Amino acid sequence: MTTTQPGPAPVARDGRLAVVDPATGLAFDHAPDQRPEQLDALVSRAHAAWRGWRADPAARRAALLAAADAVDAAAGDLAPLLTREQGKPLAESAAEIARTAARLRYFAGLAEQALGPQPITDGRPVRTELRWRPLGPVAAIVPWNFPLQLASAKLAPALAAGNTMLLKPSPYTPLATRLLGEVLTGALPEGVLTIVTGREPLGARLVAHPGIRQVTFTGSIPTGRAVAAGTAASLARVTLELGGNDAAILLEDVDPERIADRLFWAAFRNCGQVCMAVKRVYAPAHRYAEVVEALARRAKSVVVGPGSDPDTQLGPVNNAPQLARVERYTARALADGARAAAGGHRLDGPGYFFAPTILADVPPDSPVVTEEQFGPVLPVLPYRSLDQAVAAANATGFGLGGSVWGTDLDRAEAVAHRLECGTAWINHHAELSLAQPFAGVKESGVGVAGGPWGLYGNLSPFVVHRPEEA
């Protein structure tokens, strides 16, 4: 899951990084602002820990299962802290922590099943055996929208494979990740997992460090390119998840009222700050007004407020630069002739709140359509032919996900096969299981996460040939 192009980093002084509550716009705590020169010692420690960690798969599995139990036990401390620094409703923070623990258990079990010796036969009188070897210290950089879920998506397969990891959270959301690190390191050997926090050039130095053998990054396309360039000198492997601009195509037989809730929350969950959220809706011209009205009614009914309030359904945008981006894209669309069927403005009062916004009559070349706005704003566009809708859905450099909505499932699936993306859904969106691959095409990423594909991405094949007889 991705962030957009980052703005200025949080303020730091005296070696500490200020952390802001997006519901108030005020700093409430600090995290260490670690400097790049500290990395040498931390990478050396990770390399030393790797020798023992890779050697005992049974001990690894036991440690990861114990770590999952520890995460569950710490949920009461983790969830409020995650909500405080990220902004999402408390129930969503609790769900993120539960998925973090579930991912640790999943990869612990998968590694036990998948990493045994595998014979290879090709008809020759040679015994060939494939084994999988861990890579060494891995670096992971995660954004602010799902700090713990994305951290676990990287650390669980890497550690289960036998690697060690240095994990850098966003400077906007370092605290819950640091607490997660404390919880996990209580169950893991020293040096297996290290959390590093700070501003640039810390991340740039981390991905370019010669002791790092793989880098996994989730974030913006420009930063992803910089990460890939940073690994060039060491030729470390790189996995990039660089976000999306997912389109939802509604077919002629769709019932707007029936799908409105699912479609709305597919776009607005986590205040729209989801890489694979619906970010554009294409509706048949003769149903267009119905679709806009159905979505606008949902947007106007949503309870917006601090994530700590149990009645809140939609929290704030996470940080001031991202709020400014959402405001800028919305204002540009309105200036170019779009109509706000709901919202369209920042909410009065403290914090980074933006009214849930449905935009109609949007010019198709508006940045709110062609780029990843990453906020609580959804443009709805009409189409007159299905070919036109598919072409528009595919007409960006993104290729993460997409969805098709209609009552004829076979027809909807046929349309889904025409989408240029890594995952296509029918009548829902952005639902993933731990066992499936997650990858983008075009500029949405490099490499695969999730399931056995994500596990093997953290390993190197090692083949031994021997004759049947001496």
Protein backbone atom coordinates (compact mmCIF):
# COMPACT_ATOMS: atom_id res chain seq x y z
CA MET A 1 0.00 0.00 0.00
CA THR A 2 1.50 3.45 -1.06
CA THR A 3 1.92 7.07 -0.24
CA THR A 4 1.95 9.87 -2.76
CA GLN A 5 4.96 12.05 -3.39
CA PRO A 6 6.12 13.05 0.09
CA GLY A 7 6.17 16.60 1.40
CA PRO A 8 8.50 18.05 4.00
CA ALA A 9 9.44 15.65 6.78
CA PRO A 10 8.26 16.26 10.34
CA VAL A 11 10.29 18.68 12.42
CA ALA A 12 13.28 17.25 14.28
CA ARG A 13 15.52 18.75 16.92
CA ASP A 14 18.05 17.44 19.41
CA GLY A 15 18.07 14.04 17.74
CA ARG A 16 14.29 13.63 18.10
CA LEU A 17 11.55 13.53 15.47
CA ALA A 18 8.23 15.22 16.30
CA VAL A 19 5.15 13.04 15.76
CA VAL A 20 1.87 14.84 15.02
CA ASP A 21 -1.67 13.70 15.83
CA PRO A 22 -3.54 14.30 12.53
CA ALA A 23 -6.80 14.78 14.43
CA THR A 24 -5.37 17.89 16.13
CA GLY A 25 -2.43 18.94 13.96
CA LEU A 26 -0.27 19.08 17.10
CA ALA A 27 2.85 17.14 18.06
CA PHE A 28 2.22 14.73 20.91
CA ASP A 29 5.43 12.70 21.12
CA HIS A 30 8.87 12.17 19.59
CA ALA A 31 10.86 9.36 18.01
CA PRO A 32 14.63 9.07 17.53
CA ASP A 33 15.96 10.89 14.48
CA GLN A 34 18.71 8.40 13.74
CA ARG A 35 21.53 9.46 11.48
CA PRO A 36 22.90 7.57 8.48
CA GLU A 37 26.31 7.03 10.09
CA GLN A 38 24.66 4.77 12.67
CA LEU A 39 23.68 2.21 10.04
CA ASP A 40 27.05 0.47 9.73
CA ALA A 41 26.84 -0.92 13.25
CA LEU A 42 23.18 -1.91 12.87
CA VAL A 43 23.76 -3.74 9.57
CA SER A 44 26.77 -5.53 11.09
CA ARG A 45 24.60 -6.63 14.00
CA ALA A 46 21.94 -7.92 11.60
CA HIS A 47 24.57 -9.86 9.67
CA ALA A 48 25.91 -11.44 12.86
CA ALA A 49 22.39 -12.43 13.93
CA TRP A 50 21.71 -13.93 10.50
CA ARG A 51 24.22 -16.73 11.04
CA GLY A 52 22.22 -18.27 13.86
CA TRP A 53 18.76 -17.28 12.62
CA ARG A 54 19.14 -19.00 9.24
CA ALA A 55 20.53 -22.20 10.75
CA ASP A 56 17.50 -23.50 12.69
CA PRO A 57 14.14 -23.48 10.83
CA ALA A 58 12.30 -25.06 13.76
CA ALA A 59 13.51 -22.37 16.13
CA ARG A 60 12.53 -19.70 13.60
CA ARG A 61 9.01 -21.03 13.36
CA ALA A 62 8.64 -21.18 17.13
CA ALA A 63 9.95 -17.63 17.49
CA LEU A 64 7.58 -16.26 14.84
CA LEU A 65 4.59 -17.97 16.43
CA ALA A 66 5.60 -16.56 19.80
CA ALA A 67 5.94 -13.14 18.16
CA ALA A 68 2.40 -13.42 16.77
CA ASP A 69 1.06 -14.23 20.22
CA ALA A 70 2.94 -11.25 21.62
CA VAL A 71 1.35 -8.95 19.02
CA ASP A 72 -2.11 -10.17 19.95
CA ALA A 73 -1.34 -9.61 23.63
CA ALA A 74 -0.11 -6.06 22.96
CA ALA A 75 -3.08 -5.03 20.79
CA GLY A 76 -4.54 -2.93 23.58
CA ASP A 77 -1.42 -0.75 23.56
CA LEU A 78 -0.71 -0.83 19.83
CA ALA A 79 -4.15 0.11 18.50
CA PRO A 80 -4.60 3.45 20.34
CA LEU A 81 -1.07 4.51 19.46
CA LEU A 82 -1.58 3.62 15.80
CA THR A 83 -4.80 5.64 15.73
CA ARG A 84 -3.14 8.57 17.49
CA GLU A 85 -0.33 8.94 14.94
CA GLN A 86 -2.07 7.68 11.77
CA GLY A 87 -5.64 8.93 12.28
CA LYS A 88 -7.71 5.87 11.32
CA PRO A 89 -10.66 4.74 13.48
CA LEU A 90 -9.71 2.56 16.42
CA ALA A 91 -11.56 -0.46 15.02
CA GLU A 92 -9.48 -0.26 11.85
CA SER A 93 -6.28 -0.05 13.90
CA ALA A 94 -7.32 -3.16 15.81
CA ALA A 95 -7.99 -4.96 12.52
CA GLU A 96 -4.55 -3.94 11.23
CA ILE A 97 -2.88 -5.39 14.31
CA ALA A 98 -4.87 -8.63 14.05
CA ARG A 99 -3.73 -8.99 10.44
CA THR A 100 -0.15 -8.34 11.51
CA ALA A 101 -0.30 -11.30 13.89
CA ALA A 102 -2.09 -13.45 11.31
CA ARG A 103 0.61 -12.77 8.73
CA LEU A 104 3.36 -13.87 11.13
CA ARG A 105 1.51 -17.14 11.74
CA TYR A 106 0.83 -17.68 8.06
CA PHE A 107 4.43 -17.32 6.94
CA ALA A 108 5.75 -19.35 9.87
CA GLY A 109 3.57 -22.24 8.70
CA LEU A 110 4.25 -21.69 5.01
CA ALA A 111 8.01 -21.75 5.48
CA GLU A 112 7.76 -25.06 7.31
CA GLN A 113 5.84 -26.57 4.38
CA ALA A 114 7.67 -24.95 1.45
CA LEU A 115 11.36 -24.93 2.30
CA GLY A 116 12.28 -28.60 2.38
CA PRO A 117 14.53 -30.20 -0.27
CA GLN A 118 12.83 -30.58 -3.66
CA PRO A 119 14.02 -33.26 -6.11
CA ILE A 120 14.30 -32.35 -9.79
CA THR A 121 14.09 -35.10 -12.40
CA ASP A 122 14.77 -34.79 -16.11
CA GLY A 123 15.37 -38.41 -17.12
CA ARG A 124 19.15 -38.38 -16.72
CA PRO A 125 21.03 -40.67 -14.26
CA VAL A 126 21.74 -37.70 -12.00
CA ARG A 127 20.21 -36.86 -8.66
CA THR A 128 19.37 -33.17 -8.60
CA GLU A 129 18.07 -31.46 -5.49
CA LEU A 130 16.79 -27.92 -5.06
CA ARG A 131 17.11 -26.12 -1.76
CA TRP A 132 16.31 -22.54 -0.80
CA ARG A 133 18.77 -20.27 0.95
CA PRO A 134 18.08 -16.96 2.73
CA LEU A 135 19.70 -13.85 1.34
CA GLY A 136 21.05 -12.08 4.42
CA PRO A 137 20.10 -8.71 5.94
CA VAL A 138 17.06 -7.17 4.24
CA ALA A 139 15.99 -3.52 4.33
CA ALA A 140 12.32 -2.55 4.35
CA ILE A 141 10.80 0.92 4.05
CA VAL A 142 7.09 1.34 4.74
CA PRO A 143 4.70 4.31 4.38
CA TRP A 144 2.26 5.95 6.77
CA ASN A 145 -1.10 4.61 5.58
CA PHE A 146 -0.85 1.07 7.02
CA PRO A 147 2.35 1.20 9.09
CA LEU A 148 1.99 -2.12 10.90
CA GLN A 149 0.22 -4.13 8.23
CA LEU A 150 2.81 -3.19 5.62
CA ALA A 151 5.65 -3.76 8.08
CA SER A 152 4.40 -7.29 8.70
CA ALA A 153 3.90 -7.86 4.97
CA LYS A 154 7.64 -7.33 4.60
CA LEU A 155 9.10 -8.71 7.80
CA ALA A 156 7.01 -11.89 8.10
CA PRO A 157 8.14 -13.55 4.84
CA ALA A 158 11.68 -12.21 5.17
CA LEU A 159 12.17 -13.55 8.69
CA ALA A 160 10.36 -16.82 7.93
CA ALA A 161 12.78 -17.33 5.03
CA GLY A 162 15.73 -16.98 7.41
CA ASN A 163 16.77 -13.40 6.70
CA THR A 164 17.26 -10.62 9.21
CA MET A 165 15.77 -7.16 8.70
CA LEU A 166 16.24 -3.45 9.23
CA LEU A 167 12.83 -1.80 9.02
CA LYS A 168 12.33 1.93 8.52
CA PRO A 169 8.81 3.37 9.03
CA SER A 170 7.63 6.71 7.70
CA PRO A 171 8.72 9.69 9.81
CA TYR A 172 5.00 10.50 10.09
CA THR A 173 4.17 7.19 11.81
CA PRO A 174 7.22 5.86 13.67
CA LEU A 175 5.79 5.24 17.13
CA ALA A 176 3.50 2.25 16.64
CA THR A 177 6.20 0.58 14.52
CA ARG A 178 8.77 1.15 17.26
CA LEU A 179 6.38 -0.37 19.79
CA LEU A 180 5.75 -3.30 17.43
CA GLY A 181 9.52 -3.74 17.21
CA GLU A 182 9.77 -3.88 20.99
CA VAL A 183 6.99 -6.46 21.12
CA LEU A 184 8.57 -8.62 18.41
CA THR A 185 12.13 -8.43 19.69
CA GLY A 186 10.91 -9.86 22.96
CA ALA A 187 10.27 -13.09 21.03
CA LEU A 188 13.13 -12.90 18.50
CA PRO A 189 16.90 -13.27 18.98
CA GLU A 190 18.88 -10.06 19.27
CA GLY A 191 19.63 -8.38 15.96
CA VAL A 192 17.07 -10.32 13.89
CA LEU A 193 14.80 -7.27 13.61
CA THR A 194 15.92 -3.65 14.00
CA ILE A 195 13.65 -0.61 13.70
CA VAL A 196 15.35 2.56 12.46
CA THR A 197 13.57 5.92 12.48
CA GLY A 198 14.56 9.26 11.02
CA ARG A 199 14.52 11.65 8.09
CA GLU A 200 16.41 11.51 4.86
CA PRO A 201 19.09 10.70 3.95
CA LEU A 202 18.60 7.78 6.37
CA GLY A 203 16.47 5.79 3.93
CA ALA A 204 18.72 6.51 0.98
CA ARG A 205 21.77 5.34 2.91
CA LEU A 206 19.95 2.23 4.09
CA VAL A 207 18.95 1.02 0.62
CA ALA A 208 22.44 1.71 -0.75
CA HIS A 209 24.29 0.02 2.11
CA PRO A 210 26.64 -2.69 0.79
CA GLY A 211 25.64 -5.06 3.61
CA ILE A 212 21.97 -5.12 2.55
CA ARG A 213 21.08 -7.97 0.20
CA GLN A 214 17.48 -7.09 -0.58
CA VAL A 215 15.35 -3.94 -0.39
CA THR A 216 11.56 -3.96 -0.23
CA PHE A 217 9.80 -0.62 -0.50
CA THR A 218 6.25 0.68 -0.56
CA GLY A 219 5.72 4.30 -1.54
CA SER A 220 5.59 6.78 -4.39
CA ILE A 221 6.80 6.14 -7.93
CA PRO A 222 9.53 8.85 -7.82
CA THR A 223 10.88 7.51 -4.53
CA GLY A 224 10.66 3.97 -5.87
CA ARG A 225 12.85 4.94 -8.79
CA ALA A 226 15.36 6.46 -6.35
CA VAL A 227 15.32 3.26 -4.29
CA ALA A 228 15.99 1.14 -7.37
CA ALA A 229 18.86 3.43 -8.34
CA GLY A 230 20.25 3.24 -4.82
CA THR A 231 20.54 -0.55 -5.00
CA ALA A 232 22.45 -0.49 -8.27
CA ALA A 233 25.94 -0.36 -6.77
CA SER A 234 25.43 -3.42 -4.56
CA LEU A 235 23.08 -5.19 -7.00
CA ALA A 236 20.77 -5.98 -4.09
CA ARG A 237 17.40 -7.38 -5.04
CA VAL A 238 14.54 -4.90 -4.99
CA THR A 239 10.78 -5.26 -4.59
CA LEU A 240 8.72 -2.11 -5.19
CA GLU A 241 5.02 -1.54 -4.53
CA LEU A 242 4.37 1.88 -6.01
CA GLY A 243 0.69 2.51 -5.72
CA GLY A 244 -2.23 2.67 -8.04
CA ASN A 245 -5.07 4.58 -9.59
CA ASP A 246 -7.60 1.77 -9.58
CA ALA A 247 -10.66 2.10 -11.79
CA ALA A 248 -14.09 0.61 -11.12
CA ILE A 249 -16.17 -0.03 -14.24
CA LEU A 250 -19.92 -0.30 -13.69
CA LEU A 251 -21.76 -2.29 -16.36
CA GLU A 252 -25.15 -1.37 -17.85
CA ASP A 253 -27.03 -3.92 -15.71
CA VAL A 254 -25.64 -2.61 -12.41
CA ASP A 255 -28.02 -1.57 -9.62
CA PRO A 256 -26.44 1.62 -8.22
CA GLU A 257 -28.30 1.49 -4.93
CA ARG A 258 -27.41 -2.14 -4.33
CA ILE A 259 -23.65 -1.64 -4.78
CA ALA A 260 -23.32 1.90 -3.41
CA ASP A 261 -22.14 0.96 0.09
CA ARG A 262 -19.53 -1.52 -1.11
CA LEU A 263 -18.31 0.82 -3.82
CA PHE A 264 -18.16 3.80 -1.46
CA TRP A 265 -16.07 2.03 1.16
CA ALA A 266 -13.84 0.49 -1.50
CA ALA A 267 -12.87 4.10 -2.25
CA PHE A 268 -12.99 5.76 1.18
CA ARG A 269 -11.67 3.22 3.68
CA ASN A 270 -8.75 4.68 5.65
CA CYS A 271 -9.81 8.10 4.33
CA GLY A 272 -8.99 6.97 0.78
CA GLN A 273 -5.36 6.41 1.74
CA VAL A 274 -5.12 2.91 0.28
CA CYS A 275 -2.95 2.06 -2.69
CA MET A 276 -5.56 -0.30 -4.15
CA ALA A 277 -8.62 1.80 -3.29
CA VAL A 278 -11.07 2.66 -6.03
CA LYS A 279 -9.89 6.06 -7.24
CA ARG A 280 -12.01 6.43 -10.39
CA VAL A 281 -15.53 5.22 -11.21
CA TYR A 282 -16.75 4.78 -14.79
CA ALA A 283 -20.56 4.56 -15.01
CA PRO A 284 -22.83 4.03 -18.04
CA ALA A 285 -24.15 7.37 -19.24
CA HIS A 286 -27.79 6.37 -18.75
CA ARG A 287 -27.13 5.37 -15.10
CA TYR A 288 -24.64 8.14 -14.38
CA ALA A 289 -26.93 10.45 -12.39
CA GLU A 290 -28.13 7.52 -10.25
CA VAL A 291 -24.57 6.45 -9.46
CA VAL A 292 -23.46 9.96 -8.53
CA GLU A 293 -26.51 10.49 -6.31
CA ALA A 294 -26.14 7.11 -4.56
CA LEU A 295 -22.48 7.74 -3.75
CA ALA A 296 -23.13 11.34 -2.72
CA ARG A 297 -25.78 10.25 -0.23
CA ARG A 298 -23.26 7.90 1.40
CA ALA A 299 -20.60 10.60 1.52
CA LYS A 300 -22.95 13.07 3.19
CA SER A 301 -23.98 10.53 5.84
CA VAL A 302 -20.48 9.49 6.95
CA VAL A 303 -19.37 10.46 10.45
CA VAL A 304 -15.98 12.20 10.15
CA GLY A 305 -13.91 12.77 13.28
CA PRO A 306 -10.98 11.68 15.43
CA GLY A 307 -10.21 7.99 15.15
CA SER A 308 -10.41 7.65 18.93
CA ASP A 309 -14.13 8.52 18.87
CA PRO A 310 -16.11 5.24 18.66
CA ASP A 311 -18.71 6.89 16.40
CA THR A 312 -16.13 7.94 13.80
CA GLN A 313 -16.31 6.21 10.44
CA LEU A 314 -13.72 8.32 8.61
CA GLY A 315 -10.68 9.89 10.24
CA PRO A 316 -8.38 12.68 9.09
CA VAL A 317 -5.88 12.74 6.27
CA ASN A 318 -2.59 11.67 7.84
CA ASN A 319 -0.38 14.73 7.34
CA ALA A 320 -0.39 18.36 6.26
CA PRO A 321 1.41 17.90 2.88
CA GLN A 322 -1.04 15.17 1.89
CA LEU A 323 -4.02 17.29 2.92
CA ALA A 324 -2.66 20.13 0.79
CA ARG A 325 -2.38 17.75 -2.16
CA VAL A 326 -6.00 16.62 -1.78
CA GLU A 327 -7.15 20.24 -1.55
CA ARG A 328 -5.11 21.18 -4.61
CA TYR A 329 -6.44 18.35 -6.78
CA THR A 330 -10.03 19.02 -5.75
CA ALA A 331 -9.76 22.78 -6.33
CA ARG A 332 -8.22 22.18 -9.77
CA ALA A 333 -11.07 19.86 -10.75
CA LEU A 334 -13.72 22.31 -9.57
CA ALA A 335 -12.01 25.17 -11.38
CA ASP A 336 -12.02 23.10 -14.57
CA GLY A 337 -15.78 22.56 -14.40
CA ALA A 338 -16.32 19.61 -12.08
CA ARG A 339 -19.20 19.64 -9.62
CA ALA A 340 -18.97 18.55 -5.99
CA ALA A 341 -22.01 16.32 -5.51
CA ALA A 342 -20.79 15.95 -1.91
CA GLY A 343 -17.98 17.59 0.02
CA GLY A 344 -15.29 19.34 -1.94
CA HIS A 345 -13.67 21.23 0.91
CA ARG A 346 -11.58 21.02 4.05
CA LEU A 347 -13.58 20.85 7.28
CA ASP A 348 -13.40 23.68 9.78
CA GLY A 349 -11.49 23.20 13.02
CA PRO A 350 -8.20 21.65 14.03
CA GLY A 351 -6.64 18.62 12.39
CA TYR A 352 -6.34 17.46 8.81
CA PHE A 353 -9.99 16.74 8.02
CA PHE A 354 -11.43 16.84 4.49
CA ALA A 355 -15.09 16.29 3.71
CA PRO A 356 -15.81 13.00 1.86
CA THR A 357 -16.07 14.21 -1.72
CA ILE A 358 -17.87 12.89 -4.79
CA LEU A 359 -16.94 14.75 -7.97
CA ALA A 360 -19.20 14.71 -11.03
CA ASP A 361 -18.68 16.17 -14.51
CA VAL A 362 -14.91 15.91 -14.07
CA PRO A 363 -12.74 16.54 -17.13
CA PRO A 364 -11.11 13.16 -17.94
CA ASP A 365 -7.66 14.77 -18.09
CA SER A 366 -7.95 16.35 -14.64
CA PRO A 367 -5.14 15.32 -12.26
CA VAL A 368 -7.74 13.99 -9.81
CA VAL A 369 -8.51 11.39 -12.51
CA THR A 370 -5.12 10.75 -14.07
CA GLU A 371 -3.01 10.74 -10.89
CA GLU A 372 -3.25 9.08 -7.49
CA GLN A 373 -5.00 11.61 -5.26
CA PHE A 374 -4.75 9.34 -2.18
CA GLY A 375 -7.46 10.96 -0.11
CA PRO A 376 -11.23 11.10 0.48
CA VAL A 377 -12.08 12.25 -3.05
CA LEU A 378 -13.72 10.14 -5.76
CA PRO A 379 -14.33 11.28 -9.36
CA VAL A 380 -17.22 9.64 -11.23
CA LEU A 381 -17.09 9.71 -15.03
CA PRO A 382 -19.69 8.65 -17.61
CA TYR A 383 -19.05 6.39 -20.60
CA ARG A 384 -21.10 5.63 -23.73
CA SER A 385 -19.42 2.39 -24.81
CA LEU A 386 -17.73 -0.36 -22.88
CA ASP A 387 -14.67 -0.12 -25.10
CA GLN A 388 -14.41 3.55 -24.12
CA ALA A 389 -14.58 2.65 -20.41
CA VAL A 390 -11.90 -0.04 -20.67
CA ALA A 391 -9.62 2.24 -22.65
CA ALA A 392 -10.02 5.00 -20.06
CA ALA A 393 -9.38 2.60 -17.19
CA ASN A 394 -6.15 1.47 -18.85
CA ALA A 395 -5.01 4.93 -19.93
CA THR A 396 -2.67 5.68 -17.03
CA GLY A 397 0.81 4.51 -16.10
CA PHE A 398 -0.63 2.71 -13.07
CA GLY A 399 -1.56 -0.96 -13.02
CA LEU A 400 -2.22 -2.15 -9.49
CA GLY A 401 -5.88 -3.20 -9.37
CA GLY A 402 -9.29 -2.68 -10.90
CA SER A 403 -12.85 -3.93 -10.59
CA VAL A 404 -15.97 -4.57 -12.65
CA TRP A 405 -19.50 -4.37 -11.23
CA GLY A 406 -22.63 -5.97 -12.71
CA THR A 407 -25.19 -8.76 -12.37
CA ASP A 408 -23.92 -10.88 -15.28
CA LEU A 409 -20.81 -12.36 -13.65
CA ASP A 410 -19.49 -14.02 -16.81
CA ARG A 411 -19.65 -10.74 -18.70
CA ALA A 412 -18.10 -8.87 -15.80
CA GLU A 413 -15.23 -11.34 -15.68
CA ALA A 414 -14.68 -11.00 -19.42
CA VAL A 415 -14.32 -7.25 -18.96
CA ALA A 416 -12.01 -7.77 -15.96
CA HIS A 417 -9.63 -9.77 -18.16
CA ARG A 418 -9.21 -6.67 -20.32
CA LEU A 419 -7.91 -4.53 -17.44
CA GLU A 420 -4.16 -3.85 -17.34
CA CYS A 421 -3.54 -4.50 -13.65
CA GLY A 422 -2.20 -7.07 -11.21
CA THR A 423 -5.54 -7.93 -9.56
CA ALA A 424 -9.10 -7.54 -10.81
CA TRP A 425 -12.18 -7.99 -8.65
CA ILE A 426 -15.82 -8.63 -9.56
CA ASN A 427 -18.46 -6.78 -7.50
CA HIS A 428 -15.99 -5.94 -4.75
CA HIS A 429 -12.56 -4.35 -4.54
CA ALA A 430 -9.30 -4.44 -2.59
CA GLU A 431 -9.91 -7.75 -0.86
CA LEU A 432 -6.77 -9.88 -0.49
CA SER A 433 -5.98 -13.15 1.23
CA LEU A 434 -2.61 -13.88 2.78
CA ALA A 435 -2.19 -16.79 0.35
CA GLN A 436 -2.50 -14.87 -2.93
CA PRO A 437 0.16 -12.95 -4.85
CA PHE A 438 0.02 -9.16 -4.86
CA ALA A 439 1.79 -7.34 -7.66
CA GLY A 440 1.34 -4.44 -10.01
CA VAL A 441 2.13 -3.93 -13.68
CA LYS A 442 3.44 -0.87 -15.52
CA GLU A 443 4.54 1.75 -12.97
CA SER A 444 2.74 0.16 -10.04
CA GLY A 445 5.62 -2.04 -9.01
CA VAL A 446 8.38 -4.56 -9.44
CA GLY A 447 8.30 -8.02 -7.85
CA VAL A 448 5.63 -9.96 -5.99
CA ALA A 449 4.41 -9.97 -2.39
CA GLY A 450 2.04 -12.38 -0.69
CA GLY A 451 1.70 -16.14 -0.47
CA PRO A 452 4.49 -18.53 -1.47
CA TRP A 453 5.56 -16.07 -4.19
CA GLY A 454 6.40 -13.53 -1.50
CA LEU A 455 8.27 -16.14 0.53
CA TYR A 456 10.40 -17.32 -2.40
CA GLY A 457 11.15 -13.70 -3.25
CA ASN A 458 13.15 -13.61 -0.02
CA LEU A 459 15.22 -16.68 -0.95
CA SER A 460 17.85 -17.77 -3.43
CA PRO A 461 17.71 -21.21 -5.12
CA PHE A 462 20.63 -23.55 -4.47
CA VAL A 463 20.95 -26.69 -6.61
CA VAL A 464 23.16 -29.73 -5.97
CA HIS A 465 23.86 -32.31 -8.74
CA ARG A 466 25.32 -35.69 -7.94
CA PRO A 467 25.57 -38.93 -9.94
CA GLU A 468 23.57 -41.94 -8.89
CA GLU A 469 26.83 -43.90 -8.59
CA ALA A 470 30.44 -42.94 -7.84
